[in-house]
Amino acid sequence: SLTLPGVVILSEYGHQSSTAYLPEDWEERPIYAWRKDPEVRSRYGTLGSKLGVAHCNIFPNVWFKVNSQLAVVHQPKGPTKTELWYFILVDKNAPEEINEGWKQSTMYSLGPSGLREQDDGENW
């Protein structure tokens, strides 16, 4: 498995954020090209522009997967069930191919039809 150095931040109220730092030679898809932009590097600094997969929880029921442009709201549906509402966030000023890339990447990897989360629901 891939192990990268990173940071985890925990708050006293249950909120959390975690991220990994990507190495300089990390191969990225075009939707992540913003990291190499000189303006981004000057605003966020060398370390900030190397942030990798990040996710944040806002207690009690909101989760953000920052690098997938995803927000998930967990809605309790009884003592043993939870419904998840997925929202893919895109920049209305970004080119269509970038927003389509975010959408496809998120749908194919996360959520009930995604490779990474399809087993998080009831076993199929």
N, C-alpha and C. Protein backbone atom coordinates (compact mmCIF):
# COMPACT_ATOMS: atom_id res chain seq x y z
N SER A 1 0.84 -1.19 0.00
CA SER A 1 0.00 0.00 0.00
C SER A 1 0.88 1.24 0.00
N LEU A 2 0.31 2.33 -0.48
CA LEU A 2 1.02 3.59 -0.58
C LEU A 2 0.95 4.32 0.76
N THR A 3 2.10 4.67 1.31
CA THR A 3 2.14 5.41 2.57
C THR A 3 2.83 6.74 2.31
N LEU A 4 2.16 7.83 2.62
CA LEU A 4 2.71 9.17 2.42
C LEU A 4 2.65 9.93 3.74
N PRO A 5 3.62 10.83 3.98
CA PRO A 5 3.53 11.66 5.18
C PRO A 5 2.34 12.59 5.06
N GLY A 6 1.77 12.95 6.18
CA GLY A 6 0.60 13.82 6.13
C GLY A 6 0.27 14.42 7.48
N VAL A 7 -0.93 14.95 7.57
CA VAL A 7 -1.37 15.66 8.76
C VAL A 7 -2.80 15.23 9.08
N VAL A 8 -3.10 15.06 10.37
CA VAL A 8 -4.46 14.83 10.84
C VAL A 8 -4.76 15.90 11.88
N ILE A 9 -5.90 16.55 11.74
CA ILE A 9 -6.32 17.59 12.69
C ILE A 9 -7.63 17.16 13.31
N LEU A 10 -7.69 17.11 14.62
CA LEU A 10 -8.90 16.74 15.35
C LEU A 10 -9.32 17.90 16.23
N SER A 11 -10.63 18.19 16.27
CA SER A 11 -11.11 19.26 17.14
C SER A 11 -11.79 18.66 18.36
N GLU A 12 -11.98 19.48 19.36
CA GLU A 12 -12.62 18.99 20.59
C GLU A 12 -14.11 18.73 20.38
N TYR A 13 -14.69 19.19 19.27
CA TYR A 13 -16.12 19.01 19.02
C TYR A 13 -16.43 17.88 18.03
N GLY A 14 -15.43 17.11 17.64
CA GLY A 14 -15.66 15.98 16.75
C GLY A 14 -15.37 16.24 15.29
N HIS A 15 -15.04 17.47 14.92
CA HIS A 15 -14.67 17.76 13.54
C HIS A 15 -13.25 17.24 13.30
N GLN A 16 -12.94 16.88 12.06
CA GLN A 16 -11.58 16.43 11.76
C GLN A 16 -11.25 16.69 10.30
N SER A 17 -9.96 16.74 10.04
CA SER A 17 -9.45 16.87 8.68
C SER A 17 -8.15 16.08 8.59
N SER A 18 -7.92 15.46 7.46
CA SER A 18 -6.65 14.76 7.27
C SER A 18 -6.24 14.84 5.81
N THR A 19 -4.95 14.84 5.58
CA THR A 19 -4.42 14.92 4.23
C THR A 19 -3.03 14.30 4.17
N ALA A 20 -2.60 13.94 3.00
CA ALA A 20 -1.24 13.45 2.76
C ALA A 20 -0.54 14.43 1.83
N TYR A 21 0.77 14.49 1.93
CA TYR A 21 1.56 15.33 1.02
C TYR A 21 2.05 14.47 -0.14
N LEU A 22 1.94 15.01 -1.33
CA LEU A 22 2.35 14.27 -2.53
C LEU A 22 3.80 14.58 -2.88
N PRO A 23 4.56 13.58 -3.33
CA PRO A 23 5.94 13.84 -3.76
C PRO A 23 5.96 14.66 -5.05
N GLU A 24 7.08 15.31 -5.31
CA GLU A 24 7.21 16.17 -6.50
C GLU A 24 6.96 15.42 -7.81
N ASP A 25 7.33 14.15 -7.87
CA ASP A 25 7.20 13.41 -9.12
C ASP A 25 5.84 12.72 -9.27
N TRP A 26 4.88 13.12 -8.47
CA TRP A 26 3.55 12.52 -8.52
C TRP A 26 2.92 12.78 -9.87
N GLU A 27 2.45 11.72 -10.54
CA GLU A 27 1.79 11.86 -11.84
C GLU A 27 0.31 12.15 -11.61
N GLU A 28 -0.16 13.23 -12.20
CA GLU A 28 -1.54 13.62 -11.97
C GLU A 28 -2.32 13.73 -13.26
N ARG A 29 -3.63 13.62 -13.11
CA ARG A 29 -4.52 13.83 -14.25
C ARG A 29 -4.74 15.32 -14.44
N PRO A 30 -5.23 15.74 -15.61
CA PRO A 30 -5.42 17.16 -15.88
C PRO A 30 -6.30 17.89 -14.85
N ILE A 31 -7.24 17.19 -14.23
CA ILE A 31 -8.11 17.89 -13.27
C ILE A 31 -7.34 18.32 -12.02
N TYR A 32 -6.14 17.79 -11.82
CA TYR A 32 -5.32 18.20 -10.67
C TYR A 32 -4.19 19.15 -11.07
N ALA A 33 -4.18 19.62 -12.30
CA ALA A 33 -3.08 20.45 -12.80
C ALA A 33 -2.97 21.78 -12.06
N TRP A 34 -4.01 22.19 -11.37
CA TRP A 34 -3.97 23.46 -10.64
C TRP A 34 -2.81 23.51 -9.65
N ARG A 35 -2.37 22.35 -9.15
CA ARG A 35 -1.27 22.33 -8.17
C ARG A 35 0.03 22.88 -8.74
N LYS A 36 0.21 22.75 -10.04
CA LYS A 36 1.47 23.18 -10.67
C LYS A 36 1.43 24.65 -11.09
N ASP A 37 0.30 25.30 -10.94
CA ASP A 37 0.15 26.71 -11.30
C ASP A 37 1.02 27.56 -10.36
N PRO A 38 1.87 28.45 -10.90
CA PRO A 38 2.73 29.28 -10.06
C PRO A 38 1.94 30.15 -9.06
N GLU A 39 0.76 30.63 -9.47
CA GLU A 39 -0.05 31.45 -8.56
C GLU A 39 -0.52 30.62 -7.36
N VAL A 40 -0.90 29.37 -7.60
CA VAL A 40 -1.31 28.48 -6.51
C VAL A 40 -0.15 28.26 -5.56
N ARG A 41 1.02 27.97 -6.12
CA ARG A 41 2.20 27.74 -5.28
C ARG A 41 2.54 28.97 -4.45
N SER A 42 2.39 30.16 -5.02
CA SER A 42 2.71 31.36 -4.25
C SER A 42 1.66 31.63 -3.17
N ARG A 43 0.39 31.34 -3.45
CA ARG A 43 -0.66 31.56 -2.45
C ARG A 43 -0.64 30.53 -1.34
N TYR A 44 -0.48 29.26 -1.69
CA TYR A 44 -0.55 28.18 -0.71
C TYR A 44 0.81 27.74 -0.20
N GLY A 45 1.88 28.19 -0.85
CA GLY A 45 3.21 27.77 -0.44
C GLY A 45 3.53 26.41 -1.04
N THR A 46 4.79 26.05 -0.96
CA THR A 46 5.23 24.78 -1.53
C THR A 46 4.51 23.61 -0.90
N LEU A 47 4.42 23.61 0.41
CA LEU A 47 3.78 22.49 1.10
C LEU A 47 2.28 22.46 0.83
N GLY A 48 1.60 23.61 0.89
CA GLY A 48 0.16 23.66 0.67
C GLY A 48 -0.26 23.23 -0.72
N SER A 49 0.57 23.51 -1.71
CA SER A 49 0.22 23.12 -3.08
C SER A 49 0.48 21.64 -3.33
N LYS A 50 1.07 20.95 -2.37
CA LYS A 50 1.34 19.52 -2.51
C LYS A 50 0.34 18.67 -1.73
N LEU A 51 -0.75 19.26 -1.29
CA LEU A 51 -1.74 18.49 -0.54
C LEU A 51 -2.32 17.40 -1.41
N GLY A 52 -2.39 16.22 -0.86
CA GLY A 52 -2.94 15.08 -1.59
C GLY A 52 -4.40 14.87 -1.25
N VAL A 53 -4.76 13.61 -1.14
CA VAL A 53 -6.14 13.25 -0.83
C VAL A 53 -6.49 13.82 0.54
N ALA A 54 -7.50 14.63 0.59
CA ALA A 54 -7.91 15.24 1.85
C ALA A 54 -9.38 14.96 2.10
N HIS A 55 -9.73 14.77 3.34
CA HIS A 55 -11.14 14.67 3.69
C HIS A 55 -11.37 15.33 5.04
N CYS A 56 -12.57 15.86 5.20
CA CYS A 56 -12.93 16.59 6.41
C CYS A 56 -14.31 16.13 6.85
N ASN A 57 -14.48 16.03 8.14
CA ASN A 57 -15.80 15.73 8.72
C ASN A 57 -16.24 16.92 9.55
N ILE A 58 -17.47 17.34 9.35
CA ILE A 58 -18.07 18.35 10.21
C ILE A 58 -19.11 17.61 11.03
N PHE A 59 -18.82 17.45 12.30
CA PHE A 59 -19.69 16.67 13.19
C PHE A 59 -21.06 17.33 13.27
N PRO A 60 -22.17 16.63 13.22
CA PRO A 60 -22.24 15.18 13.26
C PRO A 60 -22.45 14.49 11.92
N ASN A 61 -22.77 15.21 10.83
CA ASN A 61 -23.23 14.45 9.67
C ASN A 61 -22.79 14.95 8.29
N VAL A 62 -21.73 15.73 8.18
CA VAL A 62 -21.29 16.21 6.86
C VAL A 62 -19.84 15.78 6.64
N TRP A 63 -19.57 15.27 5.45
CA TRP A 63 -18.22 14.81 5.09
C TRP A 63 -17.85 15.41 3.75
N PHE A 64 -16.62 15.92 3.64
CA PHE A 64 -16.10 16.45 2.39
C PHE A 64 -14.87 15.66 1.98
N LYS A 65 -14.84 15.23 0.74
CA LYS A 65 -13.62 14.65 0.17
C LYS A 65 -13.13 15.69 -0.80
N VAL A 66 -12.19 16.49 -0.32
CA VAL A 66 -11.81 17.72 -1.01
C VAL A 66 -11.29 17.47 -2.42
N ASN A 67 -10.40 16.52 -2.60
CA ASN A 67 -9.82 16.32 -3.93
C ASN A 67 -10.74 15.60 -4.90
N SER A 68 -11.91 15.21 -4.45
CA SER A 68 -12.91 14.65 -5.36
C SER A 68 -14.07 15.60 -5.54
N GLN A 69 -13.96 16.80 -4.97
CA GLN A 69 -15.03 17.78 -5.07
C GLN A 69 -16.35 17.20 -4.60
N LEU A 70 -16.33 16.48 -3.50
CA LEU A 70 -17.51 15.75 -3.04
C LEU A 70 -17.93 16.21 -1.65
N ALA A 71 -19.23 16.39 -1.47
CA ALA A 71 -19.82 16.63 -0.15
C ALA A 71 -20.86 15.54 0.07
N VAL A 72 -20.87 14.96 1.27
CA VAL A 72 -21.82 13.90 1.60
C VAL A 72 -22.52 14.29 2.90
N VAL A 73 -23.85 14.24 2.87
CA VAL A 73 -24.65 14.50 4.07
C VAL A 73 -25.21 13.16 4.53
N HIS A 74 -24.98 12.82 5.79
CA HIS A 74 -25.50 11.58 6.38
C HIS A 74 -26.81 11.90 7.08
N GLN A 75 -27.90 11.29 6.62
CA GLN A 75 -29.23 11.52 7.18
C GLN A 75 -29.68 10.28 7.95
N PRO A 76 -29.82 10.37 9.28
CA PRO A 76 -30.32 9.22 10.04
C PRO A 76 -31.72 8.84 9.58
N LYS A 77 -31.95 7.54 9.41
CA LYS A 77 -33.25 7.02 8.99
C LYS A 77 -33.76 5.99 10.00
N GLY A 78 -33.39 6.13 11.23
CA GLY A 78 -33.78 5.20 12.28
C GLY A 78 -32.56 4.79 13.08
N PRO A 79 -32.75 3.94 14.08
CA PRO A 79 -31.63 3.58 14.95
C PRO A 79 -30.53 2.76 14.27
N THR A 80 -30.82 2.12 13.16
CA THR A 80 -29.80 1.28 12.51
C THR A 80 -29.58 1.60 11.04
N LYS A 81 -30.17 2.69 10.54
CA LYS A 81 -30.03 3.02 9.12
C LYS A 81 -29.65 4.48 8.93
N THR A 82 -28.85 4.72 7.90
CA THR A 82 -28.44 6.07 7.53
C THR A 82 -28.51 6.19 6.02
N GLU A 83 -29.07 7.30 5.54
CA GLU A 83 -29.13 7.58 4.11
C GLU A 83 -28.04 8.60 3.79
N LEU A 84 -27.31 8.39 2.69
CA LEU A 84 -26.25 9.30 2.30
C LEU A 84 -26.67 10.08 1.07
N TRP A 85 -26.52 11.40 1.13
CA TRP A 85 -26.79 12.27 -0.01
C TRP A 85 -25.45 12.76 -0.54
N TYR A 86 -25.14 12.46 -1.81
CA TYR A 86 -23.87 12.82 -2.43
C TYR A 86 -24.05 14.05 -3.31
N PHE A 87 -23.14 15.01 -3.18
CA PHE A 87 -23.15 16.22 -4.00
C PHE A 87 -21.76 16.39 -4.61
N ILE A 88 -21.67 16.44 -5.93
CA ILE A 88 -20.41 16.70 -6.61
C ILE A 88 -20.34 18.20 -6.85
N LEU A 89 -19.31 18.84 -6.32
CA LEU A 89 -19.16 20.29 -6.41
C LEU A 89 -18.23 20.62 -7.57
N VAL A 90 -18.65 21.53 -8.43
CA VAL A 90 -17.83 21.94 -9.56
C VAL A 90 -17.77 23.46 -9.62
N ASP A 91 -16.76 23.96 -10.28
CA ASP A 91 -16.56 25.40 -10.45
C ASP A 91 -17.29 25.84 -11.72
N LYS A 92 -18.27 26.71 -11.57
CA LYS A 92 -19.05 27.12 -12.75
C LYS A 92 -18.20 27.86 -13.77
N ASN A 93 -17.03 28.37 -13.36
CA ASN A 93 -16.16 29.08 -14.28
C ASN A 93 -15.09 28.19 -14.91
N ALA A 94 -15.02 26.94 -14.49
CA ALA A 94 -14.01 26.01 -15.03
C ALA A 94 -14.45 25.51 -16.40
N PRO A 95 -13.50 25.10 -17.23
CA PRO A 95 -13.87 24.52 -18.53
C PRO A 95 -14.72 23.26 -18.34
N GLU A 96 -15.60 23.01 -19.28
CA GLU A 96 -16.52 21.88 -19.20
C GLU A 96 -15.78 20.55 -19.04
N GLU A 97 -14.65 20.38 -19.75
CA GLU A 97 -13.92 19.11 -19.66
C GLU A 97 -13.34 18.88 -18.26
N ILE A 98 -13.00 19.95 -17.55
CA ILE A 98 -12.51 19.81 -16.17
C ILE A 98 -13.65 19.38 -15.26
N ASN A 99 -14.79 20.06 -15.36
CA ASN A 99 -15.94 19.69 -14.52
C ASN A 99 -16.44 18.29 -14.84
N GLU A 100 -16.42 17.92 -16.10
CA GLU A 100 -16.82 16.56 -16.47
C GLU A 100 -15.84 15.54 -15.89
N GLY A 101 -14.56 15.89 -15.88
CA GLY A 101 -13.55 15.02 -15.28
C GLY A 101 -13.79 14.80 -13.80
N TRP A 102 -14.13 15.88 -13.07
CA TRP A 102 -14.45 15.75 -11.64
C TRP A 102 -15.65 14.84 -11.45
N LYS A 103 -16.68 15.07 -12.27
CA LYS A 103 -17.91 14.27 -12.14
C LYS A 103 -17.64 12.79 -12.38
N GLN A 104 -16.96 12.48 -13.48
CA GLN A 104 -16.68 11.09 -13.81
C GLN A 104 -15.79 10.43 -12.76
N SER A 105 -14.76 11.14 -12.33
CA SER A 105 -13.84 10.60 -11.33
C SER A 105 -14.57 10.26 -10.04
N THR A 106 -15.45 11.15 -9.62
CA THR A 106 -16.18 10.95 -8.37
C THR A 106 -17.18 9.81 -8.50
N MET A 107 -17.95 9.80 -9.58
CA MET A 107 -18.96 8.75 -9.75
C MET A 107 -18.35 7.36 -9.88
N TYR A 108 -17.21 7.27 -10.53
CA TYR A 108 -16.59 5.96 -10.74
C TYR A 108 -15.85 5.44 -9.52
N SER A 109 -15.50 6.33 -8.59
CA SER A 109 -14.72 5.86 -7.44
C SER A 109 -15.49 5.89 -6.13
N LEU A 110 -16.42 6.81 -5.96
CA LEU A 110 -17.11 6.96 -4.67
C LEU A 110 -18.62 6.82 -4.84
N GLY A 111 -19.31 6.61 -3.74
CA GLY A 111 -20.76 6.47 -3.77
C GLY A 111 -21.17 5.03 -4.00
N PRO A 112 -22.46 4.76 -4.06
CA PRO A 112 -22.95 3.40 -4.17
C PRO A 112 -22.52 2.68 -5.45
N SER A 113 -22.23 3.43 -6.51
CA SER A 113 -21.79 2.78 -7.75
C SER A 113 -20.28 2.81 -7.91
N GLY A 114 -19.58 3.44 -6.98
CA GLY A 114 -18.13 3.57 -7.10
C GLY A 114 -17.37 2.34 -6.64
N LEU A 115 -16.15 2.23 -7.12
CA LEU A 115 -15.32 1.08 -6.77
C LEU A 115 -14.96 1.04 -5.29
N ARG A 116 -14.82 2.19 -4.65
CA ARG A 116 -14.34 2.21 -3.28
C ARG A 116 -15.42 2.10 -2.22
N GLU A 117 -16.65 2.39 -2.54
CA GLU A 117 -17.68 2.43 -1.50
C GLU A 117 -18.85 1.48 -1.71
N GLN A 118 -18.86 0.71 -2.78
CA GLN A 118 -20.04 -0.11 -3.03
C GLN A 118 -20.26 -1.15 -1.94
N ASP A 119 -19.22 -1.51 -1.20
CA ASP A 119 -19.40 -2.49 -0.13
C ASP A 119 -19.70 -1.84 1.22
N ASP A 120 -19.85 -0.52 1.25
CA ASP A 120 -20.15 0.17 2.50
C ASP A 120 -21.63 0.11 2.87
N GLY A 121 -22.48 -0.24 1.92
CA GLY A 121 -23.91 -0.39 2.20
C GLY A 121 -24.18 -1.80 2.66
N GLU A 122 -25.40 -2.22 2.50
CA GLU A 122 -25.71 -3.61 2.83
C GLU A 122 -24.93 -4.51 1.90
N ASN A 123 -24.46 -5.61 2.42
CA ASN A 123 -23.66 -6.52 1.59
C ASN A 123 -24.48 -6.99 0.40
N TRP A 124 -23.85 -7.03 -0.76
CA TRP A 124 -24.51 -7.43 -1.98
C TRP A 124 -24.03 -8.78 -2.30
